[in-house]
N, C-alpha and C. Protein backbone atom coordinates (compact mmCIF):
# COMPACT_ATOMS: atom_id res chain seq x y z
N UNK A 1 36.70 57.54 -7.12
CA UNK A 1 35.19 57.53 -7.32
C UNK A 1 34.84 56.03 -7.97
N UNK A 2 33.84 55.58 -7.13
CA UNK A 2 33.23 54.15 -7.70
C UNK A 2 31.65 54.21 -7.33
N UNK A 3 31.17 53.55 -8.46
CA UNK A 3 29.63 53.26 -8.27
C UNK A 3 29.40 51.72 -8.67
N UNK A 4 28.52 51.24 -7.94
CA UNK A 4 28.16 50.07 -8.08
C UNK A 4 26.51 49.86 -8.12
N UNK A 5 25.97 49.47 -9.09
CA UNK A 5 24.52 49.43 -9.26
C UNK A 5 23.86 48.09 -9.14
N UNK A 6 23.05 47.60 -8.46
CA UNK A 6 22.39 46.48 -8.40
C UNK A 6 20.91 46.63 -9.03
N UNK A 7 20.94 45.96 -10.50
CA UNK A 7 19.54 46.18 -11.22
C UNK A 7 18.52 45.64 -10.52
N UNK A 8 18.65 44.40 -10.02
CA UNK A 8 17.22 43.69 -9.47
C UNK A 8 16.91 44.34 -8.41
N UNK A 9 17.37 45.25 -7.52
CA UNK A 9 16.72 45.81 -6.50
C UNK A 9 16.60 47.26 -6.70
N UNK A 10 17.36 47.79 -7.76
CA UNK A 10 17.41 49.35 -7.97
C UNK A 10 18.35 50.02 -7.05
N UNK A 11 18.99 49.40 -6.39
CA UNK A 11 19.93 50.01 -5.43
C UNK A 11 21.36 50.38 -6.04
N UNK A 12 21.80 51.36 -5.58
CA UNK A 12 23.20 52.08 -6.05
C UNK A 12 23.83 52.27 -4.75
N UNK A 13 25.23 52.00 -4.84
CA UNK A 13 26.15 52.39 -3.83
C UNK A 13 27.13 53.39 -4.59
N UNK A 14 27.59 54.50 -3.96
CA UNK A 14 28.79 55.15 -4.48
C UNK A 14 29.45 56.01 -3.50
N UNK A 15 30.73 56.12 -3.84
CA UNK A 15 31.60 56.59 -2.86
C UNK A 15 32.83 57.48 -3.75
N UNK A 16 33.07 58.69 -3.25
CA UNK A 16 33.95 59.49 -3.95
C UNK A 16 35.04 60.14 -2.82
N UNK A 17 36.29 60.24 -3.11
CA UNK A 17 37.15 60.71 -2.15
C UNK A 17 36.94 62.28 -1.76
N UNK A 18 36.87 62.28 -0.46
CA UNK A 18 36.64 63.68 0.17
C UNK A 18 35.13 63.77 0.25
N UNK A 19 34.20 62.97 -0.01
CA UNK A 19 32.48 63.00 -0.09
C UNK A 19 32.05 62.11 0.77
N UNK A 20 32.76 60.75 0.87
CA UNK A 20 32.11 59.92 1.68
C UNK A 20 31.46 58.86 0.83
N UNK A 21 30.74 57.72 1.33
CA UNK A 21 29.96 56.76 0.60
C UNK A 21 28.52 56.81 0.97
N UNK A 22 27.73 56.37 -0.14
CA UNK A 22 26.31 56.51 0.13
C UNK A 22 25.60 55.36 -0.53
N UNK A 23 24.21 55.15 -0.19
CA UNK A 23 23.56 54.19 -0.98
C UNK A 23 22.23 54.73 -1.06
N UNK A 24 21.74 54.59 -2.51
CA UNK A 24 20.54 55.04 -2.93
C UNK A 24 19.58 54.06 -3.44
N UNK A 25 18.36 53.88 -3.13
CA UNK A 25 17.47 53.01 -3.36
C UNK A 25 16.37 53.74 -4.33
N UNK A 26 16.53 53.07 -5.57
CA UNK A 26 15.74 53.84 -6.49
C UNK A 26 15.78 55.37 -6.62
N UNK A 27 14.64 55.77 -6.49
CA UNK A 27 14.72 57.42 -6.63
C UNK A 27 14.66 58.16 -5.32
N UNK A 28 14.80 57.23 -4.35
CA UNK A 28 14.84 58.10 -2.97
C UNK A 28 16.05 58.82 -2.84
N UNK A 29 16.25 59.73 -1.83
CA UNK A 29 17.29 60.40 -1.43
C UNK A 29 18.36 59.47 -1.09
N UNK A 30 19.83 59.70 -1.42
CA UNK A 30 20.84 59.01 -1.23
C UNK A 30 21.11 59.19 0.49
N UNK A 31 21.42 57.93 1.25
CA UNK A 31 22.19 58.14 2.55
C UNK A 31 23.50 57.90 2.68
N UNK A 32 24.09 58.37 3.49
CA UNK A 32 25.37 58.01 3.90
C UNK A 32 25.72 57.06 4.71
N UNK A 33 26.61 56.19 4.10
CA UNK A 33 26.86 54.73 4.87
C UNK A 33 28.28 54.74 5.32
N UNK A 34 28.61 53.88 6.22
CA UNK A 34 29.82 53.68 6.96
C UNK A 34 29.86 52.08 7.41
N UNK A 35 31.00 51.85 7.74
CA UNK A 35 31.34 50.54 7.91
C UNK A 35 30.83 50.27 9.55
N UNK A 36 30.64 49.02 9.92
CA UNK A 36 30.40 48.88 11.24
C UNK A 36 31.40 48.96 12.12
N UNK A 37 31.24 49.47 13.32
CA UNK A 37 32.29 49.62 14.39
C UNK A 37 31.58 49.58 15.74
N UNK A 38 31.91 48.39 16.63
CA UNK A 38 32.81 47.41 16.51
C UNK A 38 32.18 46.31 15.62
N UNK A 39 32.98 45.17 15.46
CA UNK A 39 32.58 44.02 14.77
C UNK A 39 31.23 43.60 15.38
N UNK A 40 30.37 42.71 14.72
CA UNK A 40 29.19 42.06 15.19
C UNK A 40 29.56 40.82 15.89
N UNK A 41 28.89 40.37 17.12
CA UNK A 41 29.20 38.94 17.66
C UNK A 41 27.69 38.29 17.70
N UNK A 42 27.83 37.20 17.01
CA UNK A 42 28.91 36.61 16.05
C UNK A 42 29.31 37.42 14.91
N UNK A 43 30.57 37.31 14.37
CA UNK A 43 30.92 38.04 13.36
C UNK A 43 30.10 37.81 12.08
N UNK A 44 29.90 38.76 11.03
CA UNK A 44 29.24 38.45 9.75
C UNK A 44 30.27 38.38 8.75
N UNK A 45 30.28 37.45 8.05
CA UNK A 45 31.21 37.20 7.00
C UNK A 45 30.51 37.03 5.72
N UNK A 46 30.62 37.73 4.64
CA UNK A 46 30.13 37.57 3.47
C UNK A 46 31.08 36.64 2.26
N UNK A 47 30.61 35.91 1.51
CA UNK A 47 31.33 35.16 0.64
C UNK A 47 30.76 34.96 -0.67
N UNK A 48 31.28 34.09 -1.59
CA UNK A 48 30.75 34.03 -2.79
C UNK A 48 29.88 32.79 -3.06
N UNK A 49 28.63 32.88 -3.65
CA UNK A 49 28.20 31.62 -4.13
C UNK A 49 28.72 30.75 -5.26
N UNK A 50 29.25 31.57 -6.06
CA UNK A 50 29.79 30.98 -7.31
C UNK A 50 31.14 30.36 -7.29
N UNK A 51 31.72 31.06 -6.26
CA UNK A 51 33.36 30.72 -5.97
C UNK A 51 33.48 30.40 -4.65
N UNK A 52 32.88 29.21 -4.24
CA UNK A 52 33.20 28.68 -2.89
C UNK A 52 34.37 27.96 -2.77
N UNK A 53 35.21 28.28 -1.52
CA UNK A 53 36.60 27.79 -1.45
C UNK A 53 36.68 27.17 -0.12
N UNK A 54 36.98 25.98 -0.26
CA UNK A 54 37.29 24.88 1.01
C UNK A 54 38.16 25.55 1.94
N UNK A 55 39.20 26.27 1.46
CA UNK A 55 40.24 26.90 2.47
C UNK A 55 39.58 28.04 3.29
N UNK A 56 38.53 28.50 2.88
CA UNK A 56 38.02 29.76 3.44
C UNK A 56 37.29 29.09 4.86
N UNK A 57 36.48 28.12 4.93
CA UNK A 57 35.94 27.64 6.16
C UNK A 57 37.22 27.15 7.18
N UNK A 58 38.21 26.55 6.51
CA UNK A 58 39.28 26.21 7.60
C UNK A 58 39.93 27.61 8.40
N UNK A 59 40.08 28.59 7.44
CA UNK A 59 40.69 29.90 7.99
C UNK A 59 39.68 30.47 8.97
N UNK A 60 38.31 30.31 8.81
CA UNK A 60 37.57 31.16 9.42
C UNK A 60 37.35 30.41 11.04
N UNK A 61 37.86 29.22 11.08
CA UNK A 61 37.91 28.63 12.29
C UNK A 61 38.52 29.29 13.63
N UNK A 62 39.65 30.22 13.09
CA UNK A 62 40.34 30.97 14.06
C UNK A 62 39.80 32.27 14.43
N UNK A 63 38.23 32.61 13.69
CA UNK A 63 37.89 34.04 14.00
C UNK A 63 36.93 33.78 15.24
N UNK A 64 36.59 32.87 15.62
CA UNK A 64 35.60 32.60 16.59
C UNK A 64 34.15 32.57 15.87
N UNK A 65 33.04 32.68 16.75
CA UNK A 65 31.82 32.40 16.19
C UNK A 65 31.41 33.44 15.08
N UNK A 66 30.96 32.88 13.91
CA UNK A 66 30.59 33.88 12.86
C UNK A 66 29.42 33.14 12.00
N UNK A 67 28.94 34.10 11.24
CA UNK A 67 27.73 33.64 10.39
C UNK A 67 28.14 33.95 9.07
N UNK A 68 28.21 32.97 8.02
CA UNK A 68 28.62 33.24 6.65
C UNK A 68 27.39 33.30 5.79
N UNK A 69 27.31 34.56 5.08
CA UNK A 69 26.16 34.83 4.34
C UNK A 69 26.88 35.01 2.81
N UNK A 70 26.21 34.09 2.11
CA UNK A 70 26.60 33.95 0.56
C UNK A 70 25.75 34.84 -0.22
N UNK A 71 26.49 35.35 -1.17
CA UNK A 71 25.83 36.43 -2.16
C UNK A 71 27.01 36.49 -3.21
N UNK A 72 26.48 37.13 -4.26
CA UNK A 72 27.18 37.38 -5.56
C UNK A 72 27.62 38.61 -5.84
N UNK A 73 28.41 38.78 -6.68
CA UNK A 73 29.12 40.12 -7.18
C UNK A 73 29.81 40.93 -6.37
N UNK A 74 30.00 42.15 -6.74
CA UNK A 74 30.71 43.27 -5.74
C UNK A 74 29.68 43.57 -4.73
N UNK A 75 28.51 43.06 -4.67
CA UNK A 75 27.57 43.52 -3.48
C UNK A 75 28.30 43.27 -2.37
N UNK A 76 29.02 42.10 -2.20
CA UNK A 76 29.74 41.81 -0.94
C UNK A 76 30.72 42.71 -0.37
N UNK A 77 31.13 43.66 -1.20
CA UNK A 77 31.80 44.87 -1.02
C UNK A 77 30.98 45.72 -0.09
N UNK A 78 29.87 46.14 -1.06
CA UNK A 78 28.95 47.21 -0.43
C UNK A 78 28.32 46.78 0.83
N UNK A 79 28.06 45.62 1.11
CA UNK A 79 27.30 45.27 2.63
C UNK A 79 28.39 45.46 3.54
N UNK A 80 29.53 45.25 3.32
CA UNK A 80 30.61 45.55 4.25
C UNK A 80 30.62 47.15 4.58
N UNK A 81 30.67 47.96 3.52
CA UNK A 81 30.62 49.36 3.39
C UNK A 81 29.38 50.04 4.20
N UNK A 82 28.38 49.35 3.98
CA UNK A 82 27.08 49.89 4.72
C UNK A 82 26.99 49.22 6.03
N UNK A 83 27.95 48.42 6.78
CA UNK A 83 27.81 48.09 8.04
C UNK A 83 27.00 46.93 8.35
N UNK A 84 26.50 45.95 7.27
CA UNK A 84 25.66 45.07 7.31
C UNK A 84 26.49 43.69 7.42
N UNK A 85 27.87 43.70 7.09
CA UNK A 85 28.76 42.69 7.43
C UNK A 85 30.18 43.09 7.97
N UNK A 86 30.88 42.38 8.43
CA UNK A 86 32.09 42.61 8.92
C UNK A 86 33.17 42.37 7.84
N UNK A 87 33.34 41.35 7.38
CA UNK A 87 34.51 41.03 6.65
C UNK A 87 34.15 40.18 5.38
N UNK A 88 35.01 40.37 4.10
CA UNK A 88 34.67 39.67 3.09
C UNK A 88 36.08 39.30 2.54
N UNK A 89 36.44 37.94 2.92
CA UNK A 89 37.95 37.32 2.54
C UNK A 89 37.51 36.69 1.07
N UNK A 90 38.39 37.21 0.26
CA UNK A 90 38.17 36.68 -1.10
C UNK A 90 39.58 35.89 -1.41
N UNK A 91 39.54 34.50 -1.48
CA UNK A 91 40.44 33.52 -1.77
C UNK A 91 40.45 32.87 -3.14
N UNK A 92 39.82 33.63 -4.07
CA UNK A 92 39.71 32.95 -5.38
C UNK A 92 39.98 34.08 -6.29
N UNK A 93 39.89 33.67 -7.77
CA UNK A 93 40.52 34.54 -8.88
C UNK A 93 39.16 35.92 -8.79
N UNK A 94 39.64 36.97 -8.96
CA UNK A 94 38.91 38.09 -9.68
C UNK A 94 39.73 39.03 -10.36
N UNK A 95 39.29 39.70 -11.23
CA UNK A 95 39.96 40.63 -11.99
C UNK A 95 39.76 42.14 -11.55
N UNK A 96 40.89 43.15 -12.02
CA UNK A 96 40.84 44.45 -11.50
C UNK A 96 39.48 45.20 -11.70
N UNK A 97 38.77 44.70 -12.84
CA UNK A 97 37.43 45.48 -13.04
C UNK A 97 36.32 44.92 -12.27
N UNK A 98 36.52 43.76 -11.54
CA UNK A 98 35.56 43.33 -10.86
C UNK A 98 35.56 44.07 -9.38
N UNK A 99 36.52 44.73 -8.97
CA UNK A 99 36.82 45.20 -7.55
C UNK A 99 36.82 46.58 -7.54
N UNK A 100 37.53 47.13 -8.55
CA UNK A 100 37.83 48.73 -8.49
C UNK A 100 36.61 49.55 -7.96
N UNK A 101 35.49 49.48 -8.57
CA UNK A 101 34.44 50.55 -8.06
C UNK A 101 33.93 50.31 -6.75
N UNK A 102 33.89 49.09 -6.43
CA UNK A 102 33.37 48.72 -4.86
C UNK A 102 34.57 48.99 -4.00
N UNK A 103 35.72 48.87 -4.29
CA UNK A 103 36.81 49.27 -3.51
C UNK A 103 36.65 50.90 -3.05
N UNK A 104 36.48 51.49 -3.86
CA UNK A 104 36.22 52.95 -3.75
C UNK A 104 35.00 53.35 -2.78
N UNK A 105 34.02 52.48 -2.99
CA UNK A 105 32.79 52.73 -1.85
C UNK A 105 33.41 52.14 -0.55
N UNK A 106 34.03 51.18 -0.54
CA UNK A 106 34.22 50.55 0.95
C UNK A 106 35.28 51.56 1.63
N UNK A 107 36.31 51.96 0.84
CA UNK A 107 37.13 53.14 1.45
C UNK A 107 36.61 54.10 1.88
N UNK A 108 35.67 54.76 1.07
CA UNK A 108 34.94 56.04 1.47
C UNK A 108 33.95 55.86 2.53
N UNK A 109 33.65 54.58 3.04
CA UNK A 109 32.82 54.08 4.19
C UNK A 109 33.55 53.93 5.20
N UNK A 110 34.87 54.01 5.12
CA UNK A 110 35.73 53.59 6.36
C UNK A 110 36.57 52.40 6.38
N UNK A 111 36.27 51.57 5.45
CA UNK A 111 36.84 50.24 5.35
C UNK A 111 38.12 50.20 4.54
N UNK A 112 38.62 48.92 4.42
CA UNK A 112 39.86 48.65 3.78
C UNK A 112 39.51 47.58 2.82
N UNK A 113 40.35 47.44 1.72
CA UNK A 113 40.62 46.30 0.88
C UNK A 113 42.10 46.11 0.78
N UNK A 114 42.61 44.99 1.47
CA UNK A 114 43.89 44.65 1.67
C UNK A 114 44.45 43.17 1.00
N UNK A 115 45.49 43.30 0.39
CA UNK A 115 46.01 41.95 0.19
C UNK A 115 46.38 41.24 1.29
N UNK A 116 46.71 39.97 1.29
CA UNK A 116 46.81 39.18 2.59
C UNK A 116 48.18 39.55 3.24
N UNK A 117 49.09 40.21 2.56
CA UNK A 117 50.34 40.66 3.02
C UNK A 117 50.14 42.00 3.76
N UNK A 118 48.88 42.61 3.82
CA UNK A 118 48.63 43.96 4.58
C UNK A 118 48.62 45.22 3.61
N UNK A 119 49.20 44.78 2.35
CA UNK A 119 49.13 46.08 1.37
C UNK A 119 47.73 46.29 0.85
N UNK A 120 47.52 47.61 0.59
CA UNK A 120 46.09 47.88 0.11
C UNK A 120 46.02 47.27 -1.42
N UNK A 121 44.86 46.69 -1.91
CA UNK A 121 44.70 46.19 -3.09
C UNK A 121 45.02 47.40 -4.20
N UNK A 122 45.97 47.06 -5.05
CA UNK A 122 46.19 48.32 -6.05
C UNK A 122 46.02 47.74 -7.50
N UNK A 123 46.09 48.62 -8.50
CA UNK A 123 45.76 48.44 -9.65
C UNK A 123 46.65 49.10 -10.89
N UNK A 124 46.74 48.42 -11.99
CA UNK A 124 47.61 48.93 -13.09
C UNK A 124 49.02 48.68 -12.51
N UNK A 125 49.32 47.83 -11.76
CA UNK A 125 50.82 47.83 -11.31
C UNK A 125 51.56 46.30 -11.58
N UNK A 126 50.69 45.74 -12.37
CA UNK A 126 51.32 44.27 -12.89
C UNK A 126 50.93 44.16 -14.34
N UNK A 127 51.69 43.23 -15.07
CA UNK A 127 51.40 42.88 -16.33
C UNK A 127 49.86 42.27 -16.44
N UNK A 128 49.37 41.31 -15.65
CA UNK A 128 48.07 40.84 -15.55
C UNK A 128 47.06 41.62 -14.79
N UNK A 129 45.79 41.45 -15.38
CA UNK A 129 44.70 42.11 -14.44
C UNK A 129 44.00 41.25 -13.34
N UNK A 130 44.78 40.01 -13.10
CA UNK A 130 43.95 39.08 -12.04
C UNK A 130 44.38 39.86 -10.77
N UNK A 131 43.57 39.97 -9.73
CA UNK A 131 43.96 40.46 -8.23
C UNK A 131 44.63 39.12 -7.40
N UNK A 132 45.36 39.35 -6.46
CA UNK A 132 45.98 38.31 -5.64
C UNK A 132 44.82 38.28 -4.57
N UNK A 133 44.70 37.12 -3.87
CA UNK A 133 43.65 37.22 -2.60
C UNK A 133 43.60 38.37 -1.77
N UNK A 134 42.42 38.71 -1.46
CA UNK A 134 42.39 39.82 -0.41
C UNK A 134 41.24 39.89 0.50
N UNK A 135 41.09 40.68 1.30
CA UNK A 135 40.14 40.96 2.45
C UNK A 135 39.51 42.40 2.24
N UNK A 136 38.12 42.41 2.47
CA UNK A 136 37.50 43.51 2.49
C UNK A 136 37.05 43.67 3.96
N UNK A 137 37.49 44.72 4.69
CA UNK A 137 37.51 44.96 6.05
C UNK A 137 36.56 46.26 6.39
N UNK A 138 35.63 45.75 7.30
CA UNK A 138 34.79 47.08 7.88
C UNK A 138 35.45 47.50 9.09
N UNK A 139 35.19 46.74 10.26
CA UNK A 139 35.53 47.15 11.57
C UNK A 139 36.88 47.00 11.91
N UNK A 140 37.61 47.80 12.52
CA UNK A 140 39.08 47.92 12.79
C UNK A 140 39.43 47.31 14.13
N UNK A 141 38.52 46.68 14.71
CA UNK A 141 38.50 46.26 16.18
C UNK A 141 39.27 44.63 16.15
N UNK A 142 39.52 44.09 15.14
CA UNK A 142 40.33 42.89 15.08
C UNK A 142 41.52 42.97 14.15
N UNK A 143 42.79 42.04 14.31
CA UNK A 143 43.70 42.12 13.64
C UNK A 143 43.32 40.99 12.41
N UNK A 144 42.56 41.20 11.52
CA UNK A 144 42.11 40.43 10.55
C UNK A 144 43.23 39.55 9.81
N UNK A 145 44.12 40.30 9.30
CA UNK A 145 45.41 39.60 8.76
C UNK A 145 46.05 38.63 9.58
N UNK A 146 45.98 38.61 10.82
CA UNK A 146 46.56 37.63 11.88
C UNK A 146 45.66 36.60 11.81
N UNK A 147 44.25 36.89 11.82
CA UNK A 147 43.33 35.76 11.98
C UNK A 147 42.79 34.95 10.84
N UNK A 148 43.30 35.67 9.72
CA UNK A 148 43.14 34.99 8.28
C UNK A 148 44.63 35.03 7.55
N UNK A 149 45.42 34.19 8.06
CA UNK A 149 46.69 34.52 7.52
C UNK A 149 46.82 34.04 5.96
N UNK A 150 47.84 34.26 5.24
CA UNK A 150 47.89 33.99 3.90
C UNK A 150 48.33 32.61 3.72
N UNK A 151 47.52 31.74 3.13
CA UNK A 151 47.89 30.44 2.96
C UNK A 151 48.36 30.09 1.50
N UNK A 152 48.32 31.00 0.66
CA UNK A 152 48.82 30.73 -0.82
C UNK A 152 50.13 30.09 -0.89
């Protein structure tokens, strides 16, 4: 189970195994969310305002036409989960506490959070709390790992 709350908008996202993923705006009733299928044309890619990575733009050249939308926090996971974006490639440092709750939301919405070698992003499996580079994937109609290969 994971919960992500956006205080500035009053919006919450939550997902739980066996129940699915949901968005709730303020006191309104929660609505079920799911990833976009198929991907938009042009693709919608979310990225970080505060951790821009020059390598990202080079890698995105292989995906075809795309729109890059910058935003902060784990909200990037949530916009993929609700089908407003297709992919969030993270090629910079994050800690396990930055990603765990949002990963639960994405996975319950039908998406994936994968390390660049294709393994699911995992927790409590290494001595440090830093995550490797990863991708948050909504649509399954692209081979995202081939399009954005690991350049570490």
